[in-house]
Amino acid sequence: MLKPILLVEDDKRDLELTLLALERSQLANEVVIVRDGALALDYLRREGDHAARAEGNPAVILLDLKLPKVNGLEVLQAVRAHPQLRSIPVVMLTSSQEETDVLRSYELGVNAYVVKPVEFKQFVSAIADLGVFWAVLNEPPPGSLKAARRYE
């Protein structure tokens, strides 16, 4: 069974572009969408509206930095502090090129920091590459469920 990709994005345009890019990459992983940081934590901790979801962590979290309720840095910090969540790869996907945001993300344990390309083709290509890398090519840590590979 493929592990889902958790996409945490509040901007409607960026959400649509990201979904289009993931679709073009032909990943078979389900994409779970949440629109703010509080809902992302509910999903990951299986709380609130997500209390009944099946066990298991996503293959990767694509996390926007500027989110309502709980921002991306706070989500990242909570993920890294939780024993069952800390090994999930997190990719900060943001329009911020602020050095302080990049540094703080890495200090909190982000796996990759990607500035959303402005140009459509570059954006689609970057998201597709991220999806394939983290959902297919990346080797998860020992003891975690290994994502099934689409091309096996």
N, C-alpha and C. Protein backbone atom coordinates (compact mmCIF):
# COMPACT_ATOMS: atom_id res chain seq x y z
N MET A 1 0.84 -1.18 0.00
CA MET A 1 0.00 0.00 0.00
C MET A 1 0.88 1.24 0.00
N LEU A 2 0.55 2.17 -0.87
CA LEU A 2 1.32 3.41 -0.94
C LEU A 2 0.98 4.33 0.21
N LYS A 3 1.99 4.97 0.73
CA LYS A 3 1.76 5.96 1.78
C LYS A 3 1.32 7.26 1.11
N PRO A 4 0.43 7.99 1.75
CA PRO A 4 -0.03 9.24 1.14
C PRO A 4 1.02 10.35 1.24
N ILE A 5 0.82 11.35 0.44
CA ILE A 5 1.59 12.60 0.53
C ILE A 5 0.68 13.59 1.25
N LEU A 6 1.18 14.20 2.30
CA LEU A 6 0.40 15.22 3.02
C LEU A 6 0.80 16.59 2.47
N LEU A 7 -0.16 17.27 1.88
CA LEU A 7 0.06 18.60 1.32
C LEU A 7 -0.63 19.61 2.22
N VAL A 8 0.15 20.49 2.80
CA VAL A 8 -0.38 21.52 3.70
C VAL A 8 -0.23 22.86 3.00
N GLU A 9 -1.31 23.37 2.46
CA GLU A 9 -1.26 24.58 1.64
C GLU A 9 -2.57 25.34 1.80
N ASP A 10 -2.47 26.64 2.06
CA ASP A 10 -3.68 27.45 2.21
C ASP A 10 -4.01 28.26 0.97
N ASP A 11 -3.05 28.50 0.11
CA ASP A 11 -3.27 29.32 -1.09
C ASP A 11 -3.90 28.46 -2.19
N LYS A 12 -5.09 28.87 -2.64
CA LYS A 12 -5.83 28.08 -3.62
C LYS A 12 -5.05 27.88 -4.92
N ARG A 13 -4.41 28.93 -5.41
CA ARG A 13 -3.66 28.83 -6.68
C ARG A 13 -2.47 27.86 -6.52
N ASP A 14 -1.72 28.00 -5.45
CA ASP A 14 -0.57 27.11 -5.24
C ASP A 14 -1.03 25.67 -5.03
N LEU A 15 -2.17 25.51 -4.37
CA LEU A 15 -2.71 24.16 -4.18
C LEU A 15 -3.04 23.52 -5.52
N GLU A 16 -3.73 24.25 -6.39
CA GLU A 16 -4.09 23.71 -7.70
C GLU A 16 -2.86 23.38 -8.53
N LEU A 17 -1.86 24.27 -8.50
CA LEU A 17 -0.63 24.02 -9.26
C LEU A 17 0.11 22.80 -8.71
N THR A 18 0.15 22.67 -7.41
CA THR A 18 0.85 21.53 -6.80
C THR A 18 0.16 20.22 -7.16
N LEU A 19 -1.16 20.22 -7.09
CA LEU A 19 -1.90 19.00 -7.45
C LEU A 19 -1.70 18.65 -8.92
N LEU A 20 -1.71 19.66 -9.77
CA LEU A 20 -1.47 19.43 -11.20
C LEU A 20 -0.08 18.83 -11.43
N ALA A 21 0.89 19.38 -10.74
CA ALA A 21 2.26 18.89 -10.88
C ALA A 21 2.39 17.45 -10.39
N LEU A 22 1.76 17.14 -9.27
CA LEU A 22 1.83 15.77 -8.74
C LEU A 22 1.11 14.81 -9.69
N GLU A 23 0.02 15.27 -10.27
CA GLU A 23 -0.71 14.44 -11.23
C GLU A 23 0.16 14.15 -12.46
N ARG A 24 0.86 15.17 -12.94
CA ARG A 24 1.73 14.99 -14.11
C ARG A 24 2.91 14.08 -13.82
N SER A 25 3.30 13.98 -12.56
CA SER A 25 4.41 13.09 -12.22
C SER A 25 3.96 11.64 -12.17
N GLN A 26 2.66 11.41 -12.31
CA GLN A 26 2.06 10.07 -12.35
C GLN A 26 2.32 9.25 -11.09
N LEU A 27 2.41 9.94 -9.97
CA LEU A 27 2.51 9.22 -8.69
C LEU A 27 1.16 8.62 -8.37
N ALA A 28 1.17 7.44 -7.84
CA ALA A 28 -0.08 6.77 -7.48
C ALA A 28 -0.46 7.05 -6.03
N ASN A 29 0.40 7.75 -5.31
CA ASN A 29 0.13 8.06 -3.91
C ASN A 29 -1.10 8.95 -3.78
N GLU A 30 -1.93 8.65 -2.79
CA GLU A 30 -3.01 9.56 -2.46
C GLU A 30 -2.40 10.87 -1.95
N VAL A 31 -3.01 11.98 -2.29
CA VAL A 31 -2.57 13.27 -1.76
C VAL A 31 -3.63 13.75 -0.78
N VAL A 32 -3.24 13.85 0.48
CA VAL A 32 -4.13 14.35 1.52
C VAL A 32 -3.88 15.85 1.65
N ILE A 33 -4.94 16.62 1.56
CA ILE A 33 -4.81 18.08 1.58
C ILE A 33 -5.40 18.62 2.87
N VAL A 34 -4.64 19.46 3.55
CA VAL A 34 -5.17 20.22 4.68
C VAL A 34 -4.78 21.67 4.45
N ARG A 35 -5.63 22.59 4.92
CA ARG A 35 -5.47 24.00 4.56
C ARG A 35 -4.86 24.88 5.64
N ASP A 36 -4.53 24.32 6.79
CA ASP A 36 -3.84 25.12 7.81
C ASP A 36 -3.00 24.21 8.71
N GLY A 37 -2.16 24.83 9.51
CA GLY A 37 -1.24 24.07 10.34
C GLY A 37 -1.93 23.27 11.44
N ALA A 38 -3.01 23.79 11.98
CA ALA A 38 -3.73 23.07 13.04
C ALA A 38 -4.33 21.78 12.48
N LEU A 39 -4.89 21.85 11.28
CA LEU A 39 -5.45 20.64 10.67
C LEU A 39 -4.35 19.65 10.30
N ALA A 40 -3.18 20.16 9.92
CA ALA A 40 -2.06 19.26 9.62
C ALA A 40 -1.67 18.47 10.87
N LEU A 41 -1.61 19.14 12.00
CA LEU A 41 -1.26 18.44 13.25
C LEU A 41 -2.37 17.48 13.66
N ASP A 42 -3.61 17.86 13.46
CA ASP A 42 -4.72 16.94 13.75
C ASP A 42 -4.59 15.67 12.89
N TYR A 43 -4.29 15.85 11.61
CA TYR A 43 -4.13 14.69 10.72
C TYR A 43 -2.98 13.80 11.21
N LEU A 44 -1.85 14.42 11.47
CA LEU A 44 -0.67 13.64 11.85
C LEU A 44 -0.85 12.93 13.19
N ARG A 45 -1.50 13.58 14.12
CA ARG A 45 -1.70 13.00 15.46
C ARG A 45 -2.97 12.16 15.55
N ARG A 46 -3.71 12.08 14.44
CA ARG A 46 -4.98 11.35 14.40
C ARG A 46 -5.92 11.90 15.49
N GLU A 47 -6.14 13.20 15.40
CA GLU A 47 -7.02 13.89 16.34
C GLU A 47 -8.10 14.64 15.56
N GLY A 48 -9.10 15.15 16.26
CA GLY A 48 -10.15 15.96 15.65
C GLY A 48 -10.84 15.23 14.52
N ASP A 49 -10.99 15.90 13.39
CA ASP A 49 -11.65 15.30 12.22
C ASP A 49 -10.90 14.07 11.68
N HIS A 50 -9.66 13.90 12.07
CA HIS A 50 -8.84 12.79 11.56
C HIS A 50 -8.63 11.70 12.61
N ALA A 51 -9.40 11.71 13.68
CA ALA A 51 -9.23 10.74 14.75
C ALA A 51 -9.47 9.31 14.27
N ALA A 52 -10.29 9.13 13.27
CA ALA A 52 -10.63 7.79 12.81
C ALA A 52 -9.77 7.33 11.62
N ARG A 53 -8.83 8.12 11.18
CA ARG A 53 -8.04 7.70 10.02
C ARG A 53 -7.16 6.50 10.39
N ALA A 54 -6.80 5.74 9.39
CA ALA A 54 -5.97 4.55 9.60
C ALA A 54 -4.59 4.96 10.11
N GLU A 55 -3.95 4.04 10.83
CA GLU A 55 -2.60 4.30 11.32
C GLU A 55 -1.64 4.43 10.15
N GLY A 56 -0.53 5.07 10.42
CA GLY A 56 0.52 5.21 9.42
C GLY A 56 0.78 6.67 9.11
N ASN A 57 2.04 6.92 8.80
CA ASN A 57 2.45 8.29 8.49
C ASN A 57 2.53 8.49 6.99
N PRO A 58 2.44 9.74 6.56
CA PRO A 58 2.60 10.01 5.13
C PRO A 58 4.04 9.76 4.67
N ALA A 59 4.21 9.56 3.36
CA ALA A 59 5.54 9.37 2.80
C ALA A 59 6.35 10.65 2.94
N VAL A 60 5.70 11.79 2.82
CA VAL A 60 6.35 13.09 2.91
C VAL A 60 5.29 14.14 3.23
N ILE A 61 5.72 15.18 3.90
CA ILE A 61 4.86 16.34 4.15
C ILE A 61 5.39 17.49 3.30
N LEU A 62 4.54 17.99 2.40
CA LEU A 62 4.86 19.20 1.65
C LEU A 62 4.20 20.34 2.40
N LEU A 63 5.00 21.16 3.05
CA LEU A 63 4.51 22.10 4.05
C LEU A 63 4.76 23.54 3.65
N ASP A 64 3.69 24.31 3.53
CA ASP A 64 3.83 25.75 3.29
C ASP A 64 4.32 26.41 4.58
N LEU A 65 5.08 27.47 4.43
CA LEU A 65 5.61 28.16 5.60
C LEU A 65 4.58 29.09 6.24
N LYS A 66 3.90 29.85 5.40
CA LYS A 66 2.95 30.85 5.91
C LYS A 66 1.55 30.25 5.90
N LEU A 67 1.13 29.76 7.04
CA LEU A 67 -0.16 29.10 7.18
C LEU A 67 -0.99 29.78 8.26
N PRO A 68 -2.32 29.74 8.13
CA PRO A 68 -3.16 30.25 9.20
C PRO A 68 -3.16 29.30 10.41
N LYS A 69 -3.50 29.82 11.54
CA LYS A 69 -3.64 29.12 12.82
C LYS A 69 -2.30 28.69 13.40
N VAL A 70 -1.64 27.76 12.78
CA VAL A 70 -0.32 27.30 13.21
C VAL A 70 0.59 27.37 11.98
N ASN A 71 1.67 28.17 12.05
CA ASN A 71 2.49 28.33 10.84
C ASN A 71 3.36 27.11 10.59
N GLY A 72 3.99 27.09 9.42
CA GLY A 72 4.77 25.94 9.01
C GLY A 72 5.91 25.60 9.95
N LEU A 73 6.58 26.63 10.49
CA LEU A 73 7.67 26.37 11.43
C LEU A 73 7.17 25.71 12.71
N GLU A 74 6.00 26.13 13.16
CA GLU A 74 5.41 25.52 14.37
C GLU A 74 4.99 24.07 14.10
N VAL A 75 4.47 23.82 12.90
CA VAL A 75 4.11 22.44 12.53
C VAL A 75 5.38 21.58 12.50
N LEU A 76 6.41 22.10 11.85
CA LEU A 76 7.68 21.37 11.76
C LEU A 76 8.23 21.08 13.16
N GLN A 77 8.21 22.06 14.02
CA GLN A 77 8.71 21.87 15.38
C GLN A 77 7.92 20.78 16.12
N ALA A 78 6.60 20.80 15.96
CA ALA A 78 5.76 19.79 16.62
C ALA A 78 6.02 18.40 16.05
N VAL A 79 6.23 18.30 14.74
CA VAL A 79 6.51 17.01 14.10
C VAL A 79 7.83 16.46 14.62
N ARG A 80 8.85 17.28 14.68
CA ARG A 80 10.16 16.81 15.13
C ARG A 80 10.19 16.47 16.62
N ALA A 81 9.26 17.04 17.39
CA ALA A 81 9.22 16.76 18.83
C ALA A 81 8.41 15.51 19.16
N HIS A 82 7.68 14.96 18.19
CA HIS A 82 6.80 13.82 18.43
C HIS A 82 7.51 12.52 18.03
N PRO A 83 7.65 11.57 18.95
CA PRO A 83 8.42 10.35 18.65
C PRO A 83 7.91 9.56 17.44
N GLN A 84 6.61 9.51 17.22
CA GLN A 84 6.07 8.73 16.10
C GLN A 84 6.07 9.52 14.79
N LEU A 85 6.34 10.79 14.84
CA LEU A 85 6.28 11.62 13.63
C LEU A 85 7.64 12.12 13.17
N ARG A 86 8.61 12.13 14.06
CA ARG A 86 9.86 12.83 13.79
C ARG A 86 10.64 12.32 12.58
N SER A 87 10.40 11.10 12.13
CA SER A 87 11.17 10.59 10.98
C SER A 87 10.48 10.87 9.64
N ILE A 88 9.32 11.49 9.65
CA ILE A 88 8.64 11.80 8.39
C ILE A 88 9.43 12.90 7.65
N PRO A 89 9.76 12.67 6.39
CA PRO A 89 10.42 13.74 5.63
C PRO A 89 9.49 14.94 5.49
N VAL A 90 10.05 16.11 5.73
CA VAL A 90 9.28 17.36 5.59
C VAL A 90 10.00 18.26 4.60
N VAL A 91 9.26 18.69 3.60
CA VAL A 91 9.78 19.63 2.61
C VAL A 91 9.03 20.95 2.81
N MET A 92 9.78 21.99 3.16
CA MET A 92 9.17 23.31 3.28
C MET A 92 9.02 23.85 1.86
N LEU A 93 7.81 24.16 1.49
CA LEU A 93 7.49 24.61 0.13
C LEU A 93 6.89 26.00 0.27
N THR A 94 7.66 27.00 -0.08
CA THR A 94 7.29 28.36 0.28
C THR A 94 7.72 29.37 -0.77
N SER A 95 7.16 30.55 -0.69
CA SER A 95 7.60 31.65 -1.54
C SER A 95 8.64 32.51 -0.82
N SER A 96 8.87 32.24 0.45
CA SER A 96 9.82 33.03 1.24
C SER A 96 11.26 32.66 0.92
N GLN A 97 12.04 33.68 0.59
CA GLN A 97 13.47 33.50 0.40
C GLN A 97 14.24 34.15 1.55
N GLU A 98 13.53 34.47 2.62
CA GLU A 98 14.16 35.11 3.76
C GLU A 98 15.17 34.16 4.40
N GLU A 99 16.37 34.63 4.59
CA GLU A 99 17.43 33.81 5.17
C GLU A 99 17.02 33.28 6.54
N THR A 100 16.32 34.09 7.32
CA THR A 100 15.91 33.65 8.66
C THR A 100 14.93 32.47 8.57
N ASP A 101 14.06 32.47 7.56
CA ASP A 101 13.13 31.35 7.39
C ASP A 101 13.88 30.08 6.99
N VAL A 102 14.84 30.23 6.09
CA VAL A 102 15.63 29.06 5.66
C VAL A 102 16.42 28.50 6.84
N LEU A 103 17.12 29.37 7.56
CA LEU A 103 17.92 28.92 8.70
C LEU A 103 17.06 28.28 9.78
N ARG A 104 15.96 28.91 10.11
CA ARG A 104 15.09 28.37 11.18
C ARG A 104 14.52 27.02 10.77
N SER A 105 14.16 26.88 9.49
CA SER A 105 13.62 25.60 9.00
C SER A 105 14.65 24.49 9.18
N TYR A 106 15.89 24.77 8.80
CA TYR A 106 16.93 23.74 8.95
C TYR A 106 17.26 23.48 10.43
N GLU A 107 17.22 24.51 11.23
CA GLU A 107 17.46 24.31 12.67
C GLU A 107 16.40 23.39 13.28
N LEU A 108 15.19 23.47 12.75
CA LEU A 108 14.09 22.64 13.27
C LEU A 108 14.04 21.26 12.63
N GLY A 109 14.91 21.01 11.65
CA GLY A 109 15.01 19.67 11.10
C GLY A 109 14.29 19.42 9.79
N VAL A 110 14.06 20.48 9.00
CA VAL A 110 13.44 20.26 7.69
C VAL A 110 14.40 19.45 6.81
N ASN A 111 13.85 18.63 5.94
CA ASN A 111 14.67 17.82 5.05
C ASN A 111 15.05 18.56 3.77
N ALA A 112 14.20 19.47 3.36
CA ALA A 112 14.48 20.27 2.16
C ALA A 112 13.69 21.57 2.26
N TYR A 113 14.27 22.62 1.68
CA TYR A 113 13.61 23.93 1.66
C TYR A 113 13.55 24.35 0.21
N VAL A 114 12.35 24.45 -0.32
CA VAL A 114 12.17 24.76 -1.75
C VAL A 114 11.37 26.05 -1.89
N VAL A 115 11.96 27.00 -2.60
CA VAL A 115 11.24 28.23 -2.91
C VAL A 115 10.40 27.97 -4.15
N LYS A 116 9.11 28.23 -4.04
CA LYS A 116 8.20 27.98 -5.16
C LYS A 116 8.62 28.82 -6.35
N PRO A 117 8.92 28.17 -7.46
CA PRO A 117 9.26 28.95 -8.66
C PRO A 117 8.05 29.77 -9.12
N VAL A 118 8.30 30.95 -9.63
CA VAL A 118 7.24 31.83 -10.09
C VAL A 118 6.70 31.37 -11.44
N GLU A 119 7.57 30.89 -12.29
CA GLU A 119 7.17 30.49 -13.65
C GLU A 119 6.47 29.13 -13.61
N PHE A 120 5.36 29.00 -14.33
CA PHE A 120 4.51 27.82 -14.26
C PHE A 120 5.26 26.52 -14.55
N LYS A 121 5.99 26.46 -15.65
CA LYS A 121 6.68 25.21 -16.01
C LYS A 121 7.71 24.81 -14.95
N GLN A 122 8.40 25.78 -14.42
CA GLN A 122 9.40 25.49 -13.38
C GLN A 122 8.71 25.01 -12.11
N PHE A 123 7.57 25.61 -11.79
CA PHE A 123 6.82 25.20 -10.60
C PHE A 123 6.37 23.75 -10.74
N VAL A 124 5.77 23.42 -11.88
CA VAL A 124 5.28 22.06 -12.11
C VAL A 124 6.44 21.07 -12.07
N SER A 125 7.54 21.42 -12.70
CA SER A 125 8.70 20.54 -12.72
C SER A 125 9.26 20.32 -11.31
N ALA A 126 9.36 21.40 -10.53
CA ALA A 126 9.91 21.29 -9.18
C ALA A 126 9.03 20.40 -8.29
N ILE A 127 7.73 20.58 -8.38
CA ILE A 127 6.82 19.79 -7.54
C ILE A 127 6.84 18.32 -7.98
N ALA A 128 6.84 18.09 -9.27
CA ALA A 128 6.88 16.71 -9.75
C ALA A 128 8.15 16.02 -9.29
N ASP A 129 9.28 16.71 -9.38
CA ASP A 129 10.56 16.14 -8.94
C ASP A 129 10.52 15.84 -7.43
N LEU A 130 9.96 16.75 -6.65
CA LEU A 130 9.85 16.52 -5.20
C LEU A 130 9.00 15.30 -4.90
N GLY A 131 7.87 15.20 -5.57
CA GLY A 131 6.98 14.07 -5.33
C GLY A 131 7.64 12.75 -5.63
N VAL A 132 8.29 12.67 -6.78
CA VAL A 132 8.95 11.43 -7.17
C VAL A 132 10.09 11.10 -6.21
N PHE A 133 10.88 12.09 -5.87
CA PHE A 133 12.01 11.82 -4.97
C PHE A 133 11.55 11.30 -3.62
N TRP A 134 10.64 12.03 -2.97
CA TRP A 134 10.28 11.68 -1.59
C TRP A 134 9.31 10.51 -1.51
N ALA A 135 8.48 10.33 -2.51
CA ALA A 135 7.50 9.25 -2.45
C ALA A 135 7.99 7.96 -3.10
N VAL A 136 8.99 8.04 -3.96
CA VAL A 136 9.43 6.85 -4.69
C VAL A 136 10.90 6.55 -4.44
N LEU A 137 11.76 7.52 -4.59
CA LEU A 137 13.20 7.26 -4.54
C LEU A 137 13.78 7.24 -3.14
N ASN A 138 13.27 8.05 -2.26
CA ASN A 138 13.83 8.16 -0.91
C ASN A 138 13.64 6.86 -0.13
N GLU A 139 14.69 6.45 0.54
CA GLU A 139 14.63 5.26 1.40
C GLU A 139 14.23 5.70 2.80
N PRO A 140 13.06 5.22 3.28
CA PRO A 140 12.63 5.63 4.62
C PRO A 140 13.51 5.00 5.69
N PRO A 141 13.49 5.55 6.91
CA PRO A 141 14.33 5.00 7.98
C PRO A 141 13.92 3.57 8.34
N PRO A 142 14.87 2.77 8.82
CA PRO A 142 14.54 1.40 9.23
C PRO A 142 13.41 1.38 10.26
N GLY A 143 12.55 0.43 10.14
CA GLY A 143 11.45 0.29 11.08
C GLY A 143 10.17 0.96 10.63
N SER A 144 10.26 1.86 9.66
CA SER A 144 9.04 2.48 9.17
C SER A 144 8.50 1.64 8.02
N LEU A 145 7.24 1.81 7.74
CA LEU A 145 6.66 1.11 6.61
C LEU A 145 7.26 1.66 5.34
N LYS A 146 7.74 0.79 4.51
CA LYS A 146 8.34 1.23 3.27
C LYS A 146 7.23 1.47 2.25
N ALA A 147 7.30 2.58 1.60
CA ALA A 147 6.31 2.89 0.57
C ALA A 147 6.48 1.94 -0.60
N ALA A 148 5.38 1.42 -1.08
CA ALA A 148 5.45 0.59 -2.28
C ALA A 148 5.92 1.44 -3.44
N ARG A 149 6.61 0.85 -4.31
CA ARG A 149 7.16 1.61 -5.43
C ARG A 149 6.29 1.39 -6.65
N ARG A 150 5.98 2.47 -7.32
CA ARG A 150 5.11 2.43 -8.48
C ARG A 150 5.73 1.65 -9.63
N TYR A 151 7.01 1.71 -9.79
CA TYR A 151 7.65 1.14 -10.97
C TYR A 151 8.28 -0.23 -10.71
N GLU A 152 7.97 -0.88 -9.59
CA GLU A 152 8.52 -2.20 -9.31
C GLU A 152 7.79 -3.26 -10.08
